[in-house]
Amino acid sequence: MTSQQAREFIRHPANVPLEVQPQGLRQQLSLQLNNVSEGGLSFESPVEFYQGALVKIKIRAVKPVFRVHAVVQWCRKKLDHFELGVRFLDSDDAFRVRMVEQVCHIEAYRKQVEARQGRRLSKNQASIEWIAKHGPEFPGQ
């Protein structure tokens, strides 16, 4: 069995800024999302989180701000930081975070087209183009 088959959910790459706040603490970490799956997400942190810890996660790249509660499933030391995975407490949040990820991909596409081609696209135009080009290959579609 491959490591991919061993996973309950297939993970998909993402590049989305997020804020993570351990429950009961005021400290909020600004981090980068590594990847998303149906069950949760993973990210890297300069501080260790304990398995079972509850966290609040915010993604401000979309409006309204995406907010979700999760529980830490694993945390591994990697050189000078930690990589961890969290599971959503609400199963509907998995679908919502996939939509946030797609919106972020579309916004990155809009900026890329302007920088490379000099074309200014509205968010709607960028959505239509991005979905036509990448929608079928986007995980979860």
N, C-alpha and C. Protein backbone atom coordinates (compact mmCIF):
# COMPACT_ATOMS: atom_id res chain seq x y z
N MET A 1 0.86 -1.19 0.00
CA MET A 1 0.00 0.00 0.00
C MET A 1 0.89 1.23 0.00
N THR A 2 0.62 2.18 -0.89
CA THR A 2 1.41 3.41 -0.93
C THR A 2 0.96 4.34 0.19
N SER A 3 1.81 5.33 0.47
CA SER A 3 1.44 6.29 1.52
C SER A 3 0.19 7.07 1.12
N GLN A 4 0.01 7.29 -0.19
CA GLN A 4 -1.19 8.00 -0.66
C GLN A 4 -2.44 7.17 -0.38
N GLN A 5 -2.35 5.84 -0.61
CA GLN A 5 -3.50 4.98 -0.37
C GLN A 5 -3.78 4.85 1.12
N ALA A 6 -2.75 5.00 1.93
CA ALA A 6 -2.92 4.85 3.37
C ALA A 6 -3.71 6.00 3.98
N ARG A 7 -3.76 7.12 3.30
CA ARG A 7 -4.50 8.27 3.83
C ARG A 7 -6.00 8.08 3.66
N GLU A 8 -6.72 8.56 4.62
CA GLU A 8 -8.18 8.49 4.50
C GLU A 8 -8.67 9.48 3.46
N PHE A 9 -8.02 10.65 3.36
CA PHE A 9 -8.41 11.68 2.41
C PHE A 9 -7.21 12.09 1.59
N ILE A 10 -7.40 12.30 0.32
CA ILE A 10 -6.32 12.80 -0.54
C ILE A 10 -6.14 14.28 -0.28
N ARG A 11 -4.90 14.72 -0.15
CA ARG A 11 -4.61 16.12 0.10
C ARG A 11 -4.36 16.85 -1.20
N HIS A 12 -4.64 18.13 -1.21
CA HIS A 12 -4.47 18.97 -2.38
C HIS A 12 -3.64 20.17 -2.00
N PRO A 13 -2.70 20.58 -2.85
CA PRO A 13 -1.86 21.73 -2.51
C PRO A 13 -2.65 23.02 -2.43
N ALA A 14 -2.19 23.91 -1.60
CA ALA A 14 -2.82 25.22 -1.45
C ALA A 14 -1.73 26.24 -1.14
N ASN A 15 -2.04 27.50 -1.34
CA ASN A 15 -1.09 28.57 -1.03
C ASN A 15 -1.91 29.75 -0.52
N VAL A 16 -2.39 29.62 0.68
CA VAL A 16 -3.33 30.59 1.24
C VAL A 16 -2.84 31.03 2.62
N PRO A 17 -2.77 32.36 2.87
CA PRO A 17 -2.39 32.81 4.21
C PRO A 17 -3.51 32.54 5.21
N LEU A 18 -3.13 32.13 6.41
CA LEU A 18 -4.15 31.88 7.43
C LEU A 18 -3.64 32.33 8.79
N GLU A 19 -4.57 32.53 9.69
CA GLU A 19 -4.25 32.89 11.07
C GLU A 19 -4.74 31.75 11.96
N VAL A 20 -3.87 31.32 12.86
CA VAL A 20 -4.20 30.20 13.74
C VAL A 20 -4.07 30.69 15.18
N GLN A 21 -5.10 30.41 15.96
CA GLN A 21 -5.10 30.81 17.37
C GLN A 21 -5.45 29.59 18.21
N PRO A 22 -4.52 29.15 19.07
CA PRO A 22 -4.85 28.06 19.99
C PRO A 22 -5.98 28.49 20.92
N GLN A 23 -6.91 27.59 21.18
CA GLN A 23 -8.04 27.92 22.05
C GLN A 23 -7.53 28.32 23.42
N GLY A 24 -8.10 29.39 23.94
CA GLY A 24 -7.75 29.86 25.27
C GLY A 24 -6.57 30.81 25.31
N LEU A 25 -5.94 31.05 24.18
CA LEU A 25 -4.81 31.98 24.13
C LEU A 25 -5.15 33.16 23.23
N ARG A 26 -4.55 34.30 23.52
CA ARG A 26 -4.74 35.49 22.69
C ARG A 26 -3.78 35.50 21.50
N GLN A 27 -2.67 34.78 21.63
CA GLN A 27 -1.67 34.77 20.57
C GLN A 27 -2.25 34.18 19.29
N GLN A 28 -2.03 34.89 18.21
CA GLN A 28 -2.51 34.46 16.90
C GLN A 28 -1.31 34.40 15.98
N LEU A 29 -1.11 33.28 15.30
CA LEU A 29 0.02 33.11 14.41
C LEU A 29 -0.40 33.34 12.96
N SER A 30 0.38 34.10 12.22
CA SER A 30 0.15 34.28 10.79
C SER A 30 0.99 33.24 10.06
N LEU A 31 0.32 32.29 9.42
CA LEU A 31 0.97 31.14 8.80
C LEU A 31 0.53 30.98 7.36
N GLN A 32 1.06 29.95 6.71
CA GLN A 32 0.72 29.65 5.32
C GLN A 32 0.15 28.24 5.26
N LEU A 33 -0.99 28.10 4.62
CA LEU A 33 -1.63 26.81 4.44
C LEU A 33 -0.79 25.96 3.50
N ASN A 34 -0.49 24.72 3.89
CA ASN A 34 0.26 23.80 3.01
C ASN A 34 -0.68 23.10 2.05
N ASN A 35 -1.69 22.44 2.61
CA ASN A 35 -2.64 21.74 1.77
C ASN A 35 -3.94 21.49 2.48
N VAL A 36 -4.94 21.09 1.69
CA VAL A 36 -6.30 20.91 2.16
C VAL A 36 -6.78 19.53 1.76
N SER A 37 -7.57 18.90 2.60
CA SER A 37 -8.21 17.64 2.24
C SER A 37 -9.67 17.74 2.64
N GLU A 38 -10.40 16.68 2.39
CA GLU A 38 -11.81 16.67 2.79
C GLU A 38 -11.96 16.77 4.29
N GLY A 39 -10.99 16.26 5.03
CA GLY A 39 -11.12 16.21 6.48
C GLY A 39 -10.47 17.33 7.24
N GLY A 40 -9.56 18.08 6.61
CA GLY A 40 -8.87 19.13 7.34
C GLY A 40 -7.82 19.81 6.49
N LEU A 41 -6.78 20.30 7.16
CA LEU A 41 -5.72 20.98 6.44
C LEU A 41 -4.42 20.85 7.20
N SER A 42 -3.31 21.22 6.55
CA SER A 42 -2.02 21.21 7.23
C SER A 42 -1.30 22.52 6.97
N PHE A 43 -0.39 22.85 7.89
CA PHE A 43 0.39 24.07 7.78
C PHE A 43 1.64 23.92 8.63
N GLU A 44 2.56 24.85 8.46
CA GLU A 44 3.79 24.86 9.25
C GLU A 44 3.71 25.96 10.28
N SER A 45 4.37 25.74 11.42
CA SER A 45 4.32 26.68 12.52
C SER A 45 5.68 26.78 13.19
N PRO A 46 6.04 27.95 13.69
CA PRO A 46 7.30 28.07 14.43
C PRO A 46 7.17 27.50 15.85
N VAL A 47 5.94 27.25 16.30
CA VAL A 47 5.71 26.71 17.64
C VAL A 47 5.01 25.36 17.55
N GLU A 48 5.23 24.54 18.56
CA GLU A 48 4.64 23.21 18.61
C GLU A 48 3.19 23.28 19.09
N PHE A 49 2.35 22.45 18.53
CA PHE A 49 0.97 22.28 18.98
C PHE A 49 0.83 20.83 19.45
N TYR A 50 0.05 20.62 20.47
CA TYR A 50 -0.13 19.27 21.00
C TYR A 50 -1.33 18.60 20.36
N GLN A 51 -1.19 17.30 20.12
CA GLN A 51 -2.28 16.51 19.55
C GLN A 51 -3.51 16.67 20.46
N GLY A 52 -4.65 16.93 19.85
CA GLY A 52 -5.89 17.12 20.59
C GLY A 52 -6.19 18.57 20.93
N ALA A 53 -5.22 19.46 20.71
CA ALA A 53 -5.44 20.88 21.00
C ALA A 53 -6.48 21.45 20.03
N LEU A 54 -7.35 22.31 20.54
CA LEU A 54 -8.35 22.97 19.70
C LEU A 54 -7.78 24.30 19.21
N VAL A 55 -8.04 24.63 17.95
CA VAL A 55 -7.55 25.87 17.37
C VAL A 55 -8.67 26.55 16.59
N LYS A 56 -8.56 27.87 16.51
CA LYS A 56 -9.43 28.68 15.67
C LYS A 56 -8.60 29.09 14.46
N ILE A 57 -9.15 28.96 13.28
CA ILE A 57 -8.43 29.31 12.05
C ILE A 57 -9.23 30.34 11.30
N LYS A 58 -8.53 31.38 10.81
CA LYS A 58 -9.16 32.43 10.00
C LYS A 58 -8.41 32.54 8.68
N ILE A 59 -9.16 32.72 7.61
CA ILE A 59 -8.59 33.01 6.30
C ILE A 59 -9.21 34.33 5.86
N ARG A 60 -8.39 35.37 5.84
CA ARG A 60 -8.87 36.71 5.52
C ARG A 60 -8.81 37.03 4.02
N ALA A 61 -8.31 36.10 3.21
CA ALA A 61 -8.18 36.34 1.77
C ALA A 61 -9.52 36.47 1.07
N VAL A 62 -10.59 36.10 1.76
CA VAL A 62 -11.94 36.20 1.19
C VAL A 62 -12.82 36.99 2.14
N LYS A 63 -13.86 37.56 1.60
CA LYS A 63 -14.85 38.28 2.39
C LYS A 63 -16.20 37.60 2.21
N PRO A 64 -16.93 37.32 3.28
CA PRO A 64 -16.53 37.54 4.66
C PRO A 64 -15.38 36.63 5.05
N VAL A 65 -14.68 37.01 6.10
CA VAL A 65 -13.55 36.23 6.59
C VAL A 65 -14.02 34.81 6.90
N PHE A 66 -13.25 33.83 6.41
CA PHE A 66 -13.56 32.43 6.67
C PHE A 66 -13.04 32.06 8.05
N ARG A 67 -13.89 31.48 8.88
CA ARG A 67 -13.52 31.07 10.24
C ARG A 67 -13.91 29.62 10.45
N VAL A 68 -13.03 28.87 11.09
CA VAL A 68 -13.30 27.46 11.32
C VAL A 68 -12.62 27.02 12.62
N HIS A 69 -13.21 26.04 13.28
CA HIS A 69 -12.62 25.44 14.47
C HIS A 69 -12.12 24.05 14.08
N ALA A 70 -10.96 23.69 14.63
CA ALA A 70 -10.36 22.40 14.29
C ALA A 70 -9.63 21.83 15.50
N VAL A 71 -9.25 20.57 15.37
CA VAL A 71 -8.48 19.89 16.41
C VAL A 71 -7.18 19.38 15.77
N VAL A 72 -6.08 19.55 16.49
CA VAL A 72 -4.78 19.10 15.99
C VAL A 72 -4.74 17.58 16.01
N GLN A 73 -4.44 17.00 14.84
CA GLN A 73 -4.35 15.54 14.71
C GLN A 73 -2.92 15.05 14.85
N TRP A 74 -1.98 15.84 14.37
CA TRP A 74 -0.57 15.46 14.45
C TRP A 74 0.30 16.71 14.36
N CYS A 75 1.51 16.60 14.90
CA CYS A 75 2.48 17.69 14.87
C CYS A 75 3.86 17.06 14.82
N ARG A 76 4.65 17.41 13.78
CA ARG A 76 5.98 16.81 13.59
C ARG A 76 7.05 17.89 13.55
N LYS A 77 8.15 17.64 14.22
CA LYS A 77 9.29 18.55 14.19
C LYS A 77 9.97 18.43 12.83
N LYS A 78 10.26 19.58 12.20
CA LYS A 78 10.98 19.63 10.92
C LYS A 78 12.02 20.73 11.02
N LEU A 79 13.27 20.34 11.24
CA LEU A 79 14.37 21.30 11.37
C LEU A 79 14.04 22.39 12.37
N ASP A 80 13.75 23.62 11.91
CA ASP A 80 13.53 24.74 12.82
C ASP A 80 12.06 25.11 12.97
N HIS A 81 11.14 24.22 12.56
CA HIS A 81 9.71 24.50 12.67
C HIS A 81 8.94 23.19 12.86
N PHE A 82 7.63 23.29 12.91
CA PHE A 82 6.76 22.14 13.05
C PHE A 82 5.77 22.11 11.90
N GLU A 83 5.45 20.92 11.44
CA GLU A 83 4.38 20.75 10.46
C GLU A 83 3.25 20.04 11.19
N LEU A 84 2.02 20.53 11.00
CA LEU A 84 0.91 19.91 11.69
C LEU A 84 -0.31 19.80 10.81
N GLY A 85 -1.15 18.87 11.19
CA GLY A 85 -2.41 18.65 10.50
C GLY A 85 -3.56 18.79 11.48
N VAL A 86 -4.62 19.42 11.00
CA VAL A 86 -5.81 19.59 11.83
C VAL A 86 -7.03 19.01 11.13
N ARG A 87 -8.00 18.58 11.92
CA ARG A 87 -9.26 18.06 11.41
C ARG A 87 -10.36 19.04 11.77
N PHE A 88 -11.21 19.35 10.81
CA PHE A 88 -12.32 20.26 11.06
C PHE A 88 -13.30 19.64 12.03
N LEU A 89 -13.87 20.46 12.91
CA LEU A 89 -14.88 19.97 13.85
C LEU A 89 -16.24 19.86 13.18
N ASP A 90 -16.48 20.64 12.13
CA ASP A 90 -17.74 20.62 11.39
C ASP A 90 -17.45 20.13 9.97
N SER A 91 -18.11 19.06 9.55
CA SER A 91 -17.83 18.48 8.24
C SER A 91 -18.14 19.44 7.09
N ASP A 92 -19.05 20.38 7.26
CA ASP A 92 -19.36 21.36 6.21
C ASP A 92 -18.18 22.30 5.96
N ASP A 93 -17.30 22.46 6.95
CA ASP A 93 -16.17 23.37 6.80
C ASP A 93 -15.19 22.89 5.73
N ALA A 94 -15.11 21.59 5.51
CA ALA A 94 -14.20 21.07 4.48
C ALA A 94 -14.59 21.61 3.11
N PHE A 95 -15.88 21.60 2.79
CA PHE A 95 -16.33 22.14 1.50
C PHE A 95 -16.07 23.63 1.43
N ARG A 96 -16.34 24.33 2.50
CA ARG A 96 -16.15 25.78 2.52
C ARG A 96 -14.69 26.16 2.31
N VAL A 97 -13.75 25.44 2.92
CA VAL A 97 -12.34 25.78 2.76
C VAL A 97 -11.87 25.47 1.34
N ARG A 98 -12.44 24.48 0.68
CA ARG A 98 -12.11 24.19 -0.72
C ARG A 98 -12.55 25.36 -1.60
N MET A 99 -13.68 25.96 -1.29
CA MET A 99 -14.15 27.12 -2.06
C MET A 99 -13.24 28.32 -1.81
N VAL A 100 -12.80 28.50 -0.59
CA VAL A 100 -11.85 29.58 -0.28
C VAL A 100 -10.57 29.38 -1.08
N GLU A 101 -10.08 28.15 -1.11
CA GLU A 101 -8.87 27.85 -1.87
C GLU A 101 -9.05 28.18 -3.35
N GLN A 102 -10.21 27.83 -3.90
CA GLN A 102 -10.47 28.10 -5.31
C GLN A 102 -10.51 29.61 -5.57
N VAL A 103 -11.13 30.37 -4.69
CA VAL A 103 -11.17 31.83 -4.83
C VAL A 103 -9.75 32.39 -4.83
N CYS A 104 -8.89 31.86 -3.98
CA CYS A 104 -7.50 32.32 -3.92
C CYS A 104 -6.75 31.98 -5.20
N HIS A 105 -6.99 30.81 -5.76
CA HIS A 105 -6.38 30.44 -7.05
C HIS A 105 -6.83 31.41 -8.15
N ILE A 106 -8.10 31.75 -8.16
CA ILE A 106 -8.64 32.65 -9.18
C ILE A 106 -8.02 34.04 -9.04
N GLU A 107 -7.89 34.53 -7.83
CA GLU A 107 -7.28 35.84 -7.62
C GLU A 107 -5.82 35.83 -8.06
N ALA A 108 -5.10 34.76 -7.77
CA ALA A 108 -3.71 34.65 -8.21
C ALA A 108 -3.64 34.62 -9.73
N TYR A 109 -4.58 33.95 -10.38
CA TYR A 109 -4.64 33.90 -11.84
C TYR A 109 -4.87 35.31 -12.40
N ARG A 110 -5.80 36.04 -11.79
CA ARG A 110 -6.12 37.40 -12.24
C ARG A 110 -4.86 38.28 -12.21
N LYS A 111 -4.11 38.19 -11.13
CA LYS A 111 -2.88 38.97 -10.99
C LYS A 111 -1.82 38.51 -11.98
N GLN A 112 -1.72 37.22 -12.20
CA GLN A 112 -0.74 36.66 -13.13
C GLN A 112 -1.02 37.11 -14.56
N VAL A 113 -2.28 37.10 -14.97
CA VAL A 113 -2.65 37.54 -16.32
C VAL A 113 -2.29 39.00 -16.52
N GLU A 114 -2.55 39.82 -15.51
CA GLU A 114 -2.22 41.24 -15.63
C GLU A 114 -0.70 41.44 -15.72
N ALA A 115 0.05 40.72 -14.91
CA ALA A 115 1.51 40.88 -14.91
C ALA A 115 2.14 40.35 -16.20
N ARG A 116 1.68 39.23 -16.69
CA ARG A 116 2.30 38.60 -17.86
C ARG A 116 1.76 39.09 -19.19
N GLN A 117 0.45 39.38 -19.23
CA GLN A 117 -0.18 39.73 -20.50
C GLN A 117 -0.64 41.18 -20.57
N GLY A 118 -0.64 41.86 -19.44
CA GLY A 118 -1.11 43.24 -19.42
C GLY A 118 -2.62 43.37 -19.51
N ARG A 119 -3.33 42.24 -19.40
CA ARG A 119 -4.81 42.28 -19.43
C ARG A 119 -5.33 42.43 -18.02
N ARG A 120 -6.25 43.39 -17.83
CA ARG A 120 -6.90 43.57 -16.53
C ARG A 120 -8.24 42.87 -16.58
N LEU A 121 -8.40 41.89 -15.73
CA LEU A 121 -9.64 41.12 -15.67
C LEU A 121 -10.42 41.48 -14.41
N SER A 122 -11.73 41.55 -14.56
CA SER A 122 -12.57 41.68 -13.36
C SER A 122 -12.53 40.34 -12.64
N LYS A 123 -12.98 40.30 -11.41
CA LYS A 123 -13.02 39.04 -10.68
C LYS A 123 -13.91 38.02 -11.40
N ASN A 124 -15.00 38.50 -11.96
CA ASN A 124 -15.91 37.60 -12.68
C ASN A 124 -15.24 37.06 -13.95
N GLN A 125 -14.57 37.92 -14.71
CA GLN A 125 -13.87 37.47 -15.92
C GLN A 125 -12.78 36.47 -15.57
N ALA A 126 -12.04 36.77 -14.51
CA ALA A 126 -10.97 35.86 -14.08
C ALA A 126 -11.56 34.51 -13.67
N SER A 127 -12.69 34.53 -12.99
CA SER A 127 -13.34 33.29 -12.58
C SER A 127 -13.72 32.44 -13.78
N ILE A 128 -14.33 33.07 -14.76
CA ILE A 128 -14.77 32.35 -15.96
C ILE A 128 -13.57 31.74 -16.67
N GLU A 129 -12.51 32.52 -16.87
CA GLU A 129 -11.31 32.01 -17.55
C GLU A 129 -10.63 30.91 -16.76
N TRP A 130 -10.46 31.15 -15.46
CA TRP A 130 -9.76 30.16 -14.64
C TRP A 130 -10.51 28.84 -14.61
N ILE A 131 -11.82 28.90 -14.43
CA ILE A 131 -12.62 27.67 -14.38
C ILE A 131 -12.56 26.93 -15.71
N ALA A 132 -12.61 27.68 -16.82
CA ALA A 132 -12.52 27.05 -18.15
C ALA A 132 -11.16 26.35 -18.32
N LYS A 133 -10.09 26.96 -17.82
CA LYS A 133 -8.74 26.41 -17.99
C LYS A 133 -8.38 25.36 -16.95
N HIS A 134 -8.78 25.59 -15.71
CA HIS A 134 -8.29 24.76 -14.61
C HIS A 134 -9.38 24.04 -13.82
N GLY A 135 -10.62 24.38 -14.02
CA GLY A 135 -11.70 23.79 -13.24
C GLY A 135 -11.71 22.28 -13.22
N PRO A 136 -11.61 21.63 -14.40
CA PRO A 136 -11.67 20.16 -14.40
C PRO A 136 -10.52 19.50 -13.65
N GLU A 137 -9.36 20.15 -13.60
CA GLU A 137 -8.23 19.55 -12.89
C GLU A 137 -8.15 19.97 -11.44
N PHE A 138 -8.99 20.94 -11.04
CA PHE A 138 -8.95 21.40 -9.65
C PHE A 138 -9.51 20.31 -8.76
N PRO A 139 -8.75 19.89 -7.74
CA PRO A 139 -9.20 18.84 -6.86
C PRO A 139 -10.55 19.16 -6.23
N GLY A 140 -11.39 18.17 -6.17
CA GLY A 140 -12.68 18.34 -5.54
C GLY A 140 -13.76 18.78 -6.50
N GLN A 141 -13.43 18.97 -7.77
CA GLN A 141 -14.43 19.38 -8.76
C GLN A 141 -15.18 18.18 -9.29
